[in-house]
Amino acid sequence: MKIVIPSRGRATVMAGKALRLFPDAIVCVGEDEVDAYARVSRNLLVRPAGVRVFGFQQAARPLTYANFRPFSLNTWVGGVVGIIGRELRYDTSLLLRADIDFCLQSLVHDRFVLVDGRYSFIYTRFAGAGGNARQRSAERHEQEIRYLKRKWGPYLDVVQAKGTTRLVVRVVR
């Protein structure tokens, strides 16, 4: 089994931490850090991943964590969304579900969105005052889901489960 460690800015601690546990691991680094990492490992992989959209696990429940699959590449992220570059644009007609649309753009164009399942930010979705709260209503949610379903067709499934509407992305890698 190959162990791959994506890393950035940790060359000085890599030898005493991760490489101490996994001395044969492949360390993925950016071109700008090759010299620093070459001092601690000869097993470097230098190619930018090309990811435009990344984030973290949305469910902050330890029981949902799949330790055999710490990263997902074909789903959407909400709450905390990282964006690299400016090629993709948010659909400004969406007030509540723009994150799903944005992730679908990346999935269809780039074929992946990187989601780190090891960590999660705890937040309450669609609750609280301020921000976008005035825009939220059952009608608005339904309107945007219908719009997304028309726009993305076979790439998006709408699933009703336990009183919750789940939007499931179906972009094959």
N, C-alpha and C. Protein backbone atom coordinates (compact mmCIF):
# COMPACT_ATOMS: atom_id res chain seq x y z
N MET A 1 0.84 -1.17 0.00
CA MET A 1 0.00 0.00 0.00
C MET A 1 0.90 1.24 0.00
N LYS A 2 0.59 2.18 -0.89
CA LYS A 2 1.35 3.43 -0.95
C LYS A 2 0.67 4.45 -0.04
N ILE A 3 1.49 5.17 0.69
CA ILE A 3 1.00 6.24 1.54
C ILE A 3 1.44 7.55 0.91
N VAL A 4 0.48 8.43 0.70
CA VAL A 4 0.75 9.73 0.07
C VAL A 4 0.37 10.81 1.07
N ILE A 5 1.28 11.76 1.27
CA ILE A 5 1.06 12.85 2.22
C ILE A 5 1.11 14.18 1.48
N PRO A 6 -0.04 14.81 1.24
CA PRO A 6 -0.02 16.16 0.69
C PRO A 6 0.48 17.11 1.78
N SER A 7 1.40 18.00 1.45
CA SER A 7 1.97 18.86 2.48
C SER A 7 2.30 20.23 1.90
N ARG A 8 2.22 21.22 2.78
CA ARG A 8 2.59 22.58 2.40
C ARG A 8 3.05 23.30 3.65
N GLY A 9 4.24 23.86 3.60
CA GLY A 9 4.75 24.66 4.69
C GLY A 9 5.12 23.89 5.95
N ARG A 10 5.35 22.58 5.82
CA ARG A 10 5.67 21.77 7.00
C ARG A 10 6.99 21.01 6.84
N ALA A 11 7.84 21.44 5.98
CA ALA A 11 9.09 20.71 5.73
C ALA A 11 9.93 20.56 6.99
N THR A 12 9.94 21.57 7.83
CA THR A 12 10.79 21.52 9.03
C THR A 12 10.32 20.51 10.07
N VAL A 13 9.04 20.18 10.06
CA VAL A 13 8.53 19.22 11.06
C VAL A 13 8.22 17.86 10.46
N MET A 14 8.28 17.74 9.15
CA MET A 14 7.91 16.51 8.46
C MET A 14 8.75 15.31 8.90
N ALA A 15 10.03 15.46 9.03
CA ALA A 15 10.91 14.33 9.37
C ALA A 15 10.59 13.77 10.75
N GLY A 16 10.31 14.61 11.69
CA GLY A 16 10.05 14.14 13.05
C GLY A 16 8.63 13.71 13.30
N LYS A 17 7.74 13.98 12.37
CA LYS A 17 6.32 13.66 12.56
C LYS A 17 5.89 12.57 11.57
N ALA A 18 5.33 12.98 10.46
CA ALA A 18 4.74 12.03 9.50
C ALA A 18 5.75 11.05 8.93
N LEU A 19 6.94 11.53 8.56
CA LEU A 19 7.93 10.63 7.96
C LEU A 19 8.56 9.69 8.99
N ARG A 20 8.47 10.03 10.24
CA ARG A 20 8.93 9.11 11.28
C ARG A 20 8.01 7.89 11.33
N LEU A 21 6.70 8.14 11.13
CA LEU A 21 5.73 7.05 11.12
C LEU A 21 5.71 6.32 9.78
N PHE A 22 5.86 7.07 8.70
CA PHE A 22 5.77 6.51 7.35
C PHE A 22 6.99 6.94 6.54
N PRO A 23 8.16 6.35 6.78
CA PRO A 23 9.39 6.81 6.12
C PRO A 23 9.40 6.64 4.61
N ASP A 24 8.58 5.73 4.07
CA ASP A 24 8.54 5.51 2.63
C ASP A 24 7.40 6.25 1.94
N ALA A 25 6.72 7.12 2.66
CA ALA A 25 5.57 7.83 2.10
C ALA A 25 6.00 8.74 0.95
N ILE A 26 5.10 8.92 0.02
CA ILE A 26 5.28 9.88 -1.06
C ILE A 26 4.77 11.22 -0.53
N VAL A 27 5.59 12.25 -0.62
CA VAL A 27 5.21 13.57 -0.12
C VAL A 27 4.91 14.47 -1.31
N CYS A 28 3.67 14.94 -1.40
CA CYS A 28 3.25 15.83 -2.49
C CYS A 28 3.47 17.27 -2.07
N VAL A 29 4.23 18.00 -2.87
CA VAL A 29 4.54 19.39 -2.56
C VAL A 29 4.47 20.24 -3.82
N GLY A 30 4.31 21.52 -3.63
CA GLY A 30 4.33 22.45 -4.74
C GLY A 30 5.75 22.74 -5.18
N GLU A 31 5.90 23.20 -6.41
CA GLU A 31 7.22 23.49 -6.96
C GLU A 31 8.01 24.49 -6.12
N ASP A 32 7.31 25.41 -5.50
CA ASP A 32 7.99 26.44 -4.72
C ASP A 32 8.58 25.91 -3.41
N GLU A 33 8.29 24.65 -3.04
CA GLU A 33 8.80 24.10 -1.79
C GLU A 33 9.69 22.86 -1.98
N VAL A 34 10.05 22.56 -3.21
CA VAL A 34 10.86 21.37 -3.48
C VAL A 34 12.17 21.38 -2.71
N ASP A 35 12.89 22.49 -2.72
CA ASP A 35 14.18 22.55 -2.03
C ASP A 35 14.04 22.27 -0.54
N ALA A 36 13.05 22.84 0.09
CA ALA A 36 12.86 22.64 1.53
C ALA A 36 12.52 21.18 1.85
N TYR A 37 11.64 20.56 1.06
CA TYR A 37 11.24 19.18 1.33
C TYR A 37 12.30 18.17 0.90
N ALA A 38 13.13 18.54 -0.07
CA ALA A 38 14.20 17.62 -0.51
C ALA A 38 15.20 17.36 0.61
N ARG A 39 15.27 18.24 1.57
CA ARG A 39 16.16 18.03 2.71
C ARG A 39 15.68 16.93 3.65
N VAL A 40 14.37 16.61 3.61
CA VAL A 40 13.82 15.60 4.54
C VAL A 40 13.31 14.35 3.85
N SER A 41 13.14 14.39 2.53
CA SER A 41 12.64 13.21 1.82
C SER A 41 13.14 13.21 0.38
N ARG A 42 13.45 12.02 -0.10
CA ARG A 42 13.81 11.87 -1.52
C ARG A 42 12.62 11.40 -2.34
N ASN A 43 11.52 11.14 -1.65
CA ASN A 43 10.34 10.58 -2.30
C ASN A 43 9.28 11.67 -2.48
N LEU A 44 9.57 12.63 -3.35
CA LEU A 44 8.67 13.75 -3.57
C LEU A 44 7.88 13.60 -4.86
N LEU A 45 6.66 14.06 -4.82
CA LEU A 45 5.82 14.15 -6.01
C LEU A 45 5.47 15.61 -6.17
N VAL A 46 5.96 16.20 -7.29
CA VAL A 46 5.75 17.64 -7.52
C VAL A 46 4.81 17.77 -8.70
N ARG A 47 3.45 17.95 -8.72
CA ARG A 47 2.51 18.36 -9.74
C ARG A 47 1.35 18.98 -9.01
N PRO A 48 0.97 20.24 -9.34
CA PRO A 48 -0.19 20.82 -8.67
C PRO A 48 -1.42 19.97 -8.97
N ALA A 49 -2.28 19.80 -7.97
CA ALA A 49 -3.45 18.94 -8.13
C ALA A 49 -4.44 19.51 -9.14
N GLY A 50 -4.47 20.82 -9.26
CA GLY A 50 -5.41 21.43 -10.19
C GLY A 50 -6.79 21.63 -9.60
N VAL A 51 -6.90 21.47 -8.31
CA VAL A 51 -8.19 21.64 -7.66
C VAL A 51 -8.54 23.13 -7.57
N ARG A 52 -9.78 23.44 -7.89
CA ARG A 52 -10.24 24.82 -7.80
C ARG A 52 -11.13 25.03 -6.58
N VAL A 53 -11.79 23.94 -6.15
CA VAL A 53 -12.73 24.03 -5.04
C VAL A 53 -12.38 22.96 -4.01
N PHE A 54 -12.30 23.36 -2.75
CA PHE A 54 -12.00 22.41 -1.69
C PHE A 54 -12.72 22.80 -0.42
N GLY A 55 -12.82 21.85 0.48
CA GLY A 55 -13.49 22.13 1.75
C GLY A 55 -13.36 20.95 2.69
N PHE A 56 -14.23 20.94 3.68
CA PHE A 56 -14.15 19.96 4.74
C PHE A 56 -15.48 19.23 4.88
N GLN A 57 -15.43 18.11 5.58
CA GLN A 57 -16.62 17.31 5.86
C GLN A 57 -17.71 18.20 6.42
N GLN A 58 -18.93 18.02 5.95
CA GLN A 58 -20.02 18.86 6.42
C GLN A 58 -20.69 18.31 7.67
N ALA A 59 -20.66 17.01 7.83
CA ALA A 59 -21.28 16.39 9.01
C ALA A 59 -20.25 16.28 10.12
N ALA A 60 -20.50 16.94 11.21
CA ALA A 60 -19.56 16.93 12.33
C ALA A 60 -19.88 15.78 13.29
N ARG A 61 -20.18 14.62 12.75
CA ARG A 61 -20.49 13.44 13.56
C ARG A 61 -19.40 12.41 13.37
N PRO A 62 -18.69 12.07 14.42
CA PRO A 62 -17.60 11.09 14.29
C PRO A 62 -18.04 9.76 13.68
N LEU A 63 -19.27 9.39 13.88
CA LEU A 63 -19.74 8.10 13.34
C LEU A 63 -19.85 8.09 11.82
N THR A 64 -19.90 9.28 11.21
CA THR A 64 -19.99 9.34 9.75
C THR A 64 -18.63 9.36 9.07
N TYR A 65 -17.57 9.48 9.86
CA TYR A 65 -16.22 9.53 9.29
C TYR A 65 -15.81 8.14 8.80
N ALA A 66 -15.37 8.08 7.57
CA ALA A 66 -14.91 6.82 6.97
C ALA A 66 -13.38 6.84 6.96
N ASN A 67 -12.76 6.23 7.97
CA ASN A 67 -11.30 6.31 8.09
C ASN A 67 -10.56 5.67 6.92
N PHE A 68 -11.20 4.81 6.19
CA PHE A 68 -10.59 4.20 5.01
C PHE A 68 -10.73 5.08 3.79
N ARG A 69 -11.44 6.19 3.91
CA ARG A 69 -11.63 7.14 2.82
C ARG A 69 -11.58 8.57 3.36
N PRO A 70 -10.38 9.04 3.74
CA PRO A 70 -10.30 10.34 4.40
C PRO A 70 -10.60 11.53 3.47
N PHE A 71 -10.54 11.32 2.17
CA PHE A 71 -10.81 12.39 1.22
C PHE A 71 -11.89 11.95 0.24
N SER A 72 -12.74 12.90 -0.15
CA SER A 72 -13.72 12.67 -1.20
C SER A 72 -13.36 13.59 -2.36
N LEU A 73 -13.64 13.12 -3.55
CA LEU A 73 -13.30 13.91 -4.73
C LEU A 73 -14.50 14.25 -5.60
N ASN A 74 -15.66 13.70 -5.28
CA ASN A 74 -16.80 13.92 -6.17
C ASN A 74 -18.08 14.25 -5.42
N THR A 75 -17.98 15.24 -4.55
CA THR A 75 -19.16 15.71 -3.84
C THR A 75 -19.10 17.23 -3.76
N TRP A 76 -20.03 17.81 -3.07
CA TRP A 76 -20.03 19.27 -2.93
C TRP A 76 -19.69 19.65 -1.50
N VAL A 77 -19.22 20.86 -1.33
CA VAL A 77 -18.91 21.37 0.00
C VAL A 77 -19.74 22.62 0.27
N GLY A 78 -20.09 22.78 1.51
CA GLY A 78 -20.84 23.95 1.93
C GLY A 78 -20.28 24.44 3.25
N GLY A 79 -20.74 25.58 3.68
CA GLY A 79 -20.23 26.13 4.95
C GLY A 79 -18.91 26.82 4.74
N VAL A 80 -17.83 26.07 4.78
CA VAL A 80 -16.49 26.60 4.55
C VAL A 80 -16.02 26.08 3.19
N VAL A 81 -15.90 26.97 2.22
CA VAL A 81 -15.53 26.60 0.86
C VAL A 81 -14.26 27.34 0.48
N GLY A 82 -13.25 26.60 0.04
CA GLY A 82 -12.03 27.21 -0.46
C GLY A 82 -12.06 27.26 -1.97
N ILE A 83 -11.62 28.37 -2.53
CA ILE A 83 -11.65 28.56 -3.98
C ILE A 83 -10.27 29.03 -4.43
N ILE A 84 -9.74 28.36 -5.46
CA ILE A 84 -8.46 28.75 -6.05
C ILE A 84 -8.73 29.20 -7.48
N GLY A 85 -8.33 30.40 -7.80
CA GLY A 85 -8.53 30.92 -9.15
C GLY A 85 -9.83 31.68 -9.29
N ARG A 86 -10.03 32.18 -10.50
CA ARG A 86 -11.21 33.01 -10.78
C ARG A 86 -11.96 32.56 -12.02
N GLU A 87 -11.65 31.38 -12.51
CA GLU A 87 -12.27 30.93 -13.76
C GLU A 87 -13.75 30.61 -13.60
N LEU A 88 -14.14 30.06 -12.46
CA LEU A 88 -15.53 29.73 -12.21
C LEU A 88 -16.22 30.89 -11.51
N ARG A 89 -17.51 31.02 -11.75
CA ARG A 89 -18.28 32.12 -11.15
C ARG A 89 -19.51 31.57 -10.44
N TYR A 90 -19.85 32.21 -9.34
CA TYR A 90 -21.09 31.88 -8.66
C TYR A 90 -22.27 32.32 -9.50
N ASP A 91 -23.34 31.55 -9.48
CA ASP A 91 -24.59 31.89 -10.15
C ASP A 91 -25.32 32.85 -9.22
N THR A 92 -25.36 34.12 -9.58
CA THR A 92 -25.93 35.14 -8.68
C THR A 92 -27.44 35.07 -8.58
N SER A 93 -28.09 34.24 -9.39
CA SER A 93 -29.54 34.08 -9.24
C SER A 93 -29.87 33.15 -8.07
N LEU A 94 -28.87 32.43 -7.59
CA LEU A 94 -29.06 31.53 -6.44
C LEU A 94 -28.67 32.24 -5.16
N LEU A 95 -29.59 32.28 -4.22
CA LEU A 95 -29.31 32.93 -2.94
C LEU A 95 -29.01 31.92 -1.84
N LEU A 96 -29.51 30.69 -1.99
CA LEU A 96 -29.39 29.70 -0.92
C LEU A 96 -28.56 28.48 -1.31
N ARG A 97 -28.46 28.18 -2.56
CA ARG A 97 -27.81 26.95 -3.01
C ARG A 97 -26.68 27.19 -4.00
N ALA A 98 -26.07 28.36 -3.93
CA ALA A 98 -25.00 28.70 -4.87
C ALA A 98 -23.77 27.82 -4.69
N ASP A 99 -23.53 27.33 -3.47
CA ASP A 99 -22.37 26.48 -3.24
C ASP A 99 -22.47 25.16 -4.01
N ILE A 100 -23.66 24.61 -4.08
CA ILE A 100 -23.85 23.35 -4.82
C ILE A 100 -23.62 23.58 -6.31
N ASP A 101 -24.17 24.66 -6.84
CA ASP A 101 -23.97 24.98 -8.24
C ASP A 101 -22.49 25.20 -8.55
N PHE A 102 -21.80 25.93 -7.69
CA PHE A 102 -20.38 26.22 -7.89
C PHE A 102 -19.56 24.92 -7.89
N CYS A 103 -19.86 24.02 -6.95
CA CYS A 103 -19.15 22.74 -6.89
C CYS A 103 -19.45 21.89 -8.12
N LEU A 104 -20.68 21.91 -8.58
CA LEU A 104 -21.02 21.15 -9.80
C LEU A 104 -20.26 21.69 -11.00
N GLN A 105 -20.10 23.00 -11.09
CA GLN A 105 -19.29 23.56 -12.17
C GLN A 105 -17.88 22.98 -12.15
N SER A 106 -17.28 22.96 -10.95
CA SER A 106 -15.93 22.44 -10.82
C SER A 106 -15.88 20.94 -11.12
N LEU A 107 -16.87 20.20 -10.66
CA LEU A 107 -16.90 18.76 -10.91
C LEU A 107 -17.02 18.43 -12.38
N VAL A 108 -17.86 19.14 -13.08
CA VAL A 108 -18.05 18.88 -14.50
C VAL A 108 -16.82 19.35 -15.30
N HIS A 109 -16.25 20.48 -14.93
CA HIS A 109 -15.09 21.01 -15.67
C HIS A 109 -13.79 20.32 -15.28
N ASP A 110 -13.49 20.26 -13.97
CA ASP A 110 -12.21 19.75 -13.50
C ASP A 110 -12.24 18.27 -13.10
N ARG A 111 -13.43 17.74 -12.93
CA ARG A 111 -13.66 16.34 -12.55
C ARG A 111 -13.45 16.05 -11.07
N PHE A 112 -13.15 17.08 -10.25
CA PHE A 112 -13.10 16.82 -8.82
C PHE A 112 -13.17 18.08 -7.97
N VAL A 113 -13.68 17.86 -6.77
CA VAL A 113 -13.68 18.84 -5.69
C VAL A 113 -13.05 18.10 -4.52
N LEU A 114 -12.07 18.68 -3.88
CA LEU A 114 -11.36 18.00 -2.80
C LEU A 114 -12.03 18.30 -1.46
N VAL A 115 -12.50 17.24 -0.80
CA VAL A 115 -13.13 17.38 0.51
C VAL A 115 -12.34 16.55 1.51
N ASP A 116 -11.82 17.23 2.52
CA ASP A 116 -11.07 16.57 3.59
C ASP A 116 -12.07 16.10 4.64
N GLY A 117 -12.27 14.78 4.71
CA GLY A 117 -13.25 14.21 5.62
C GLY A 117 -12.77 14.08 7.04
N ARG A 118 -11.52 14.40 7.29
CA ARG A 118 -10.97 14.26 8.64
C ARG A 118 -11.39 15.39 9.56
N TYR A 119 -11.77 16.52 8.99
CA TYR A 119 -12.08 17.69 9.79
C TYR A 119 -13.43 18.26 9.39
N SER A 120 -14.06 18.95 10.33
CA SER A 120 -15.34 19.57 10.06
C SER A 120 -15.47 20.84 10.89
N PHE A 121 -16.15 21.81 10.34
CA PHE A 121 -16.49 23.01 11.09
C PHE A 121 -17.93 22.85 11.55
N ILE A 122 -18.17 23.13 12.80
CA ILE A 122 -19.52 22.98 13.34
C ILE A 122 -20.27 24.28 13.12
N TYR A 123 -21.36 24.19 12.40
CA TYR A 123 -22.22 25.33 12.15
C TYR A 123 -23.63 24.82 11.93
N THR A 124 -24.58 25.70 12.13
CA THR A 124 -25.97 25.33 11.92
C THR A 124 -26.40 25.88 10.58
N ARG A 125 -26.83 24.99 9.72
CA ARG A 125 -27.22 25.38 8.38
C ARG A 125 -28.66 25.89 8.38
N PHE A 126 -28.90 26.93 7.64
CA PHE A 126 -30.23 27.49 7.46
C PHE A 126 -30.90 27.87 8.78
N ALA A 127 -30.14 28.43 9.69
CA ALA A 127 -30.68 28.88 10.97
C ALA A 127 -30.00 30.19 11.34
N GLY A 128 -30.53 30.84 12.31
CA GLY A 128 -29.92 32.07 12.79
C GLY A 128 -30.43 33.29 12.05
N ALA A 129 -30.10 34.42 12.59
CA ALA A 129 -30.54 35.69 12.02
C ALA A 129 -29.42 36.34 11.24
N GLY A 130 -29.76 37.36 10.48
CA GLY A 130 -28.76 38.11 9.74
C GLY A 130 -28.37 37.42 8.45
N GLY A 131 -27.43 38.05 7.76
CA GLY A 131 -26.95 37.46 6.51
C GLY A 131 -28.06 37.21 5.51
N ASN A 132 -28.19 35.97 5.13
CA ASN A 132 -29.16 35.57 4.13
C ASN A 132 -30.49 35.12 4.73
N ALA A 133 -30.69 35.33 6.03
CA ALA A 133 -31.87 34.81 6.72
C ALA A 133 -33.18 35.30 6.11
N ARG A 134 -33.22 36.54 5.67
CA ARG A 134 -34.46 37.07 5.09
C ARG A 134 -34.84 36.38 3.78
N GLN A 135 -33.87 35.80 3.12
CA GLN A 135 -34.12 35.15 1.83
C GLN A 135 -34.67 33.73 1.99
N ARG A 136 -34.47 33.14 3.18
CA ARG A 136 -34.82 31.74 3.39
C ARG A 136 -36.32 31.56 3.57
N SER A 137 -36.85 30.65 2.79
CA SER A 137 -38.24 30.21 2.95
C SER A 137 -38.35 28.85 2.27
N ALA A 138 -39.35 28.10 2.62
CA ALA A 138 -39.55 26.80 1.99
C ALA A 138 -39.74 26.97 0.48
N GLU A 139 -40.46 28.03 0.10
CA GLU A 139 -40.70 28.27 -1.33
C GLU A 139 -39.39 28.57 -2.06
N ARG A 140 -38.54 29.39 -1.45
CA ARG A 140 -37.26 29.73 -2.08
C ARG A 140 -36.37 28.50 -2.23
N HIS A 141 -36.34 27.65 -1.19
CA HIS A 141 -35.58 26.40 -1.27
C HIS A 141 -36.07 25.54 -2.42
N GLU A 142 -37.37 25.36 -2.49
CA GLU A 142 -37.95 24.54 -3.56
C GLU A 142 -37.66 25.12 -4.94
N GLN A 143 -37.79 26.44 -5.07
CA GLN A 143 -37.51 27.10 -6.35
C GLN A 143 -36.06 26.87 -6.78
N GLU A 144 -35.12 27.02 -5.87
CA GLU A 144 -33.71 26.85 -6.22
C GLU A 144 -33.37 25.39 -6.50
N ILE A 145 -33.97 24.48 -5.79
CA ILE A 145 -33.73 23.06 -6.06
C ILE A 145 -34.25 22.68 -7.43
N ARG A 146 -35.44 23.18 -7.79
CA ARG A 146 -35.98 22.92 -9.13
C ARG A 146 -35.05 23.49 -10.20
N TYR A 147 -34.55 24.70 -9.98
CA TYR A 147 -33.63 25.35 -10.92
C TYR A 147 -32.35 24.51 -11.08
N LEU A 148 -31.77 24.08 -9.95
CA LEU A 148 -30.56 23.26 -10.01
C LEU A 148 -30.81 21.94 -10.72
N LYS A 149 -31.95 21.35 -10.48
CA LYS A 149 -32.27 20.06 -11.12
C LYS A 149 -32.40 20.26 -12.63
N ARG A 150 -33.03 21.35 -13.06
CA ARG A 150 -33.13 21.64 -14.50
C ARG A 150 -31.75 21.90 -15.10
N LYS A 151 -30.94 22.68 -14.39
CA LYS A 151 -29.63 23.08 -14.90
C LYS A 151 -28.66 21.89 -14.96
N TRP A 152 -28.67 21.04 -13.94
CA TRP A 152 -27.66 19.98 -13.84
C TRP A 152 -28.20 18.59 -14.15
N GLY A 153 -29.48 18.44 -14.31
CA GLY A 153 -30.09 17.18 -14.75
C GLY A 153 -29.52 15.94 -14.09
N PRO A 154 -28.86 15.08 -14.88
CA PRO A 154 -28.41 13.78 -14.35
C PRO A 154 -27.28 13.89 -13.32
N TYR A 155 -26.70 15.06 -13.17
CA TYR A 155 -25.61 15.21 -12.21
C TYR A 155 -26.09 15.47 -10.78
N LEU A 156 -27.38 15.68 -10.60
CA LEU A 156 -27.90 16.03 -9.28
C LEU A 156 -29.17 15.23 -8.99
N ASP A 157 -29.15 14.53 -7.84
CA ASP A 157 -30.34 13.82 -7.36
C ASP A 157 -30.88 14.54 -6.14
N VAL A 158 -32.19 14.64 -6.07
CA VAL A 158 -32.85 15.22 -4.91
C VAL A 158 -33.49 14.07 -4.15
N VAL A 159 -33.06 13.88 -2.91
CA VAL A 159 -33.51 12.74 -2.11
C VAL A 159 -34.19 13.25 -0.84
N GLN A 160 -35.40 12.76 -0.60
CA GLN A 160 -36.11 13.08 0.64
C GLN A 160 -35.85 11.97 1.64
N ALA A 161 -35.32 12.31 2.81
CA ALA A 161 -35.03 11.30 3.83
C ALA A 161 -35.19 11.90 5.21
N LYS A 162 -36.03 11.27 6.02
CA LYS A 162 -36.22 11.68 7.41
C LYS A 162 -36.55 13.16 7.54
N GLY A 163 -37.43 13.65 6.68
CA GLY A 163 -37.85 15.04 6.74
C GLY A 163 -36.83 16.04 6.24
N THR A 164 -35.77 15.56 5.62
CA THR A 164 -34.72 16.43 5.11
C THR A 164 -34.56 16.23 3.61
N THR A 165 -34.32 17.32 2.92
CA THR A 165 -34.02 17.24 1.49
C THR A 165 -32.51 17.17 1.34
N ARG A 166 -32.04 16.08 0.73
CA ARG A 166 -30.61 15.94 0.48
C ARG A 166 -30.35 16.11 -1.01
N LEU A 167 -29.32 16.86 -1.33
CA LEU A 167 -28.91 17.02 -2.73
C LEU A 167 -27.65 16.20 -2.92
N VAL A 168 -27.74 15.20 -3.78
CA VAL A 168 -26.65 14.25 -3.99
C VAL A 168 -26.06 14.48 -5.38
N VAL A 169 -24.77 14.73 -5.42
CA VAL A 169 -24.06 14.99 -6.67
C VAL A 169 -23.67 13.66 -7.29
N ARG A 170 -23.89 13.53 -8.60
CA ARG A 170 -23.58 12.30 -9.32
C ARG A 170 -22.71 12.56 -10.55
N VAL A 171 -21.50 13.06 -10.32
CA VAL A 171 -20.57 13.28 -11.41
C VAL A 171 -19.52 12.18 -11.33
N VAL A 172 -19.46 11.36 -12.36
CA VAL A 172 -18.52 10.24 -12.38
C VAL A 172 -17.14 10.77 -12.69
N ARG A 173 -16.16 10.29 -11.93
CA ARG A 173 -14.77 10.70 -12.15
C ARG A 173 -14.19 9.91 -13.30
